[in-house]
Every structure is written in structure tokens, then in C-alpha cells.
Amino acid sequence: MSSSNFKELSWYIGHDVEVVRYEKAGHVYNIAIECNDCGTVLLSFENPNNGYQEQKEVQNPIAEGVE
């Protein structure tokens, strides 16, 4: 997840953010809070009923200075 503390989350004040669900065949496998302005995933959680857990490292293009 790209925002893990107060300072990192504050970078997105004023941005257009939304809660997004990802599903396949009617099963919601992930819910995330994403920034629509820069495409960054701020928080992401796997559904504990997926039957598997996958760790994803999300890169923060703002923190790294990458567009």
C-alpha cells in the first residue's frame, strides 16, 4: 500500500479519490481506495474469503518523482 502514515496520506489532500471494488464472476476479491488524479492506490485490502492471500507492493509515483 502506498500510504502507510499521516504524511504520505496528506499528499493526496484535494485529490479526487474513490473506493473501488474488484470482482470476478460476482466475487469481490479486493477493495481499494484509489486516487483518480494520479492513479495511485492509497489503500488496498484483499477479501479474507478469497482462499489465498496475495501481498502486493504498490509503488508511489509521487514519492519517487515518477510520472
C-alpha atoms as a PDB file:
ATOM      1  CA  MET A   1       0.000   0.000   0.000  1.00  0.00           C
ATOM      2  CA  SER A   2       1.361   3.324  -0.844  1.00  0.00           C
ATOM      3  CA  SER A   3       0.068   5.434   2.058  1.00  0.00           C
ATOM      4  CA  SER A   4       1.037   3.988   5.382  1.00  0.00           C
ATOM      5  CA  ASN A   5       1.184   7.090   7.570  1.00  0.00           C
ATOM      6  CA  PHE A   6      -0.188  10.601   8.115  1.00  0.00           C
ATOM      7  CA  LYS A   7       2.415  12.386   5.996  1.00  0.00           C
ATOM      8  CA  GLU A   8       2.037  10.096   2.978  1.00  0.00           C
ATOM      9  CA  LEU A   9      -1.754  10.296   3.052  1.00  0.00           C
ATOM     10  CA  SER A  10      -1.607  14.101   3.302  1.00  0.00           C
ATOM     11  CA  TRP A  11      -0.030  14.206  -0.187  1.00  0.00           C
ATOM     12  CA  TYR A  12      -3.488  13.425  -1.575  1.00  0.00           C
ATOM     13  CA  ILE A  13      -5.464  16.201   0.138  1.00  0.00           C
ATOM     14  CA  GLY A  14      -7.607  17.844  -2.525  1.00  0.00           C
ATOM     15  CA  HIS A  15      -7.259  14.928  -4.958  1.00  0.00           C
ATOM     16  CA  ASP A  16     -10.262  13.064  -6.366  1.00  0.00           C
ATOM     17  CA  VAL A  17     -10.286   9.707  -4.535  1.00  0.00           C
ATOM     18  CA  GLU A  18     -12.771   6.851  -4.564  1.00  0.00           C
ATOM     19  CA  VAL A  19     -13.391   3.414  -3.109  1.00  0.00           C
ATOM     20  CA  VAL A  20     -13.169   0.768  -5.840  1.00  0.00           C
ATOM     21  CA  ARG A  21     -14.111  -2.898  -5.748  1.00  0.00           C
ATOM     22  CA  TYR A  22     -12.541  -5.551  -7.923  1.00  0.00           C
ATOM     23  CA  GLU A  23     -14.587  -8.621  -8.665  1.00  0.00           C
ATOM     24  CA  LYS A  24     -14.587 -11.686 -10.858  1.00  0.00           C
ATOM     25  CA  ALA A  25     -17.620 -13.861 -11.532  1.00  0.00           C
ATOM     26  CA  GLY A  26     -19.592 -11.950  -8.882  1.00  0.00           C
ATOM     27  CA  HIS A  27     -16.955 -12.439  -6.161  1.00  0.00           C
ATOM     28  CA  VAL A  28     -15.390  -9.266  -4.734  1.00  0.00           C
ATOM     29  CA  TYR A  29     -11.725 -10.159  -4.216  1.00  0.00           C
ATOM     30  CA  ASN A  30     -10.282  -6.715  -3.411  1.00  0.00           C
ATOM     31  CA  ILE A  31     -11.406  -3.274  -2.258  1.00  0.00           C
ATOM     32  CA  ALA A  32      -9.117  -0.284  -2.670  1.00  0.00           C
ATOM     33  CA  ILE A  33      -9.028   3.464  -2.161  1.00  0.00           C
ATOM     34  CA  GLU A  34      -7.528   4.977  -5.284  1.00  0.00           C
ATOM     35  CA  CYS A  35      -6.577   8.472  -6.413  1.00  0.00           C
ATOM     36  CA  ASN A  36      -8.231   9.312  -9.730  1.00  0.00           C
ATOM     37  CA  ASP A  37      -5.937  12.293 -10.283  1.00  0.00           C
ATOM     38  CA  CYS A  38      -2.661  10.369 -10.300  1.00  0.00           C
ATOM     39  CA  GLY A  39      -3.705   6.708 -10.437  1.00  0.00           C
ATOM     40  CA  THR A  40      -2.147   5.795  -7.092  1.00  0.00           C
ATOM     41  CA  VAL A  41      -3.642   3.078  -4.880  1.00  0.00           C
ATOM     42  CA  LEU A  42      -3.733   4.598  -1.383  1.00  0.00           C
ATOM     43  CA  LEU A  43      -5.037   1.546   0.472  1.00  0.00           C
ATOM     44  CA  SER A  44      -5.852  -1.947  -0.739  1.00  0.00           C
ATOM     45  CA  PHE A  45      -7.314  -4.933   1.061  1.00  0.00           C
ATOM     46  CA  GLU A  46      -7.796  -8.495  -0.164  1.00  0.00           C
ATOM     47  CA  ASN A  47     -11.044 -10.246   0.724  1.00  0.00           C
ATOM     48  CA  PRO A  48     -10.198 -12.714   3.536  1.00  0.00           C
ATOM     49  CA  ASN A  49     -12.605 -15.189   1.904  1.00  0.00           C
ATOM     50  CA  ASN A  50     -10.529 -15.451  -1.274  1.00  0.00           C
ATOM     51  CA  GLY A  51      -8.905 -18.679  -0.191  1.00  0.00           C
ATOM     52  CA  TYR A  52      -5.487 -17.134  -0.755  1.00  0.00           C
ATOM     53  CA  GLN A  53      -3.672 -14.027   0.331  1.00  0.00           C
ATOM     54  CA  GLU A  54      -1.505 -12.131  -2.080  1.00  0.00           C
ATOM     55  CA  GLN A  55       0.891  -9.422  -0.946  1.00  0.00           C
ATOM     56  CA  LYS A  56       1.162  -6.581  -3.443  1.00  0.00           C
ATOM     57  CA  GLU A  57       3.697  -3.802  -3.174  1.00  0.00           C
ATOM     58  CA  VAL A  58       2.202  -0.678  -4.707  1.00  0.00           C
ATOM     59  CA  GLN A  59       4.624   1.929  -5.964  1.00  0.00           C
ATOM     60  CA  ASN A  60       4.005   5.594  -5.235  1.00  0.00           C
ATOM     61  CA  PRO A  61       4.926   7.625  -8.325  1.00  0.00           C
ATOM     62  CA  ILE A  62       4.647  10.926  -6.437  1.00  0.00           C
ATOM     63  CA  ALA A  63       7.049   9.829  -3.707  1.00  0.00           C
ATOM     64  CA  GLU A  64       9.517   8.533  -6.262  1.00  0.00           C
ATOM     65  CA  GLY A  65       9.205  11.546  -8.550  1.00  0.00           C
ATOM     66  CA  VAL A  66       7.968   9.383 -11.426  1.00  0.00           C
ATOM     67  CA  GLU A  67       5.016  10.468 -13.536  1.00  0.00           C
END
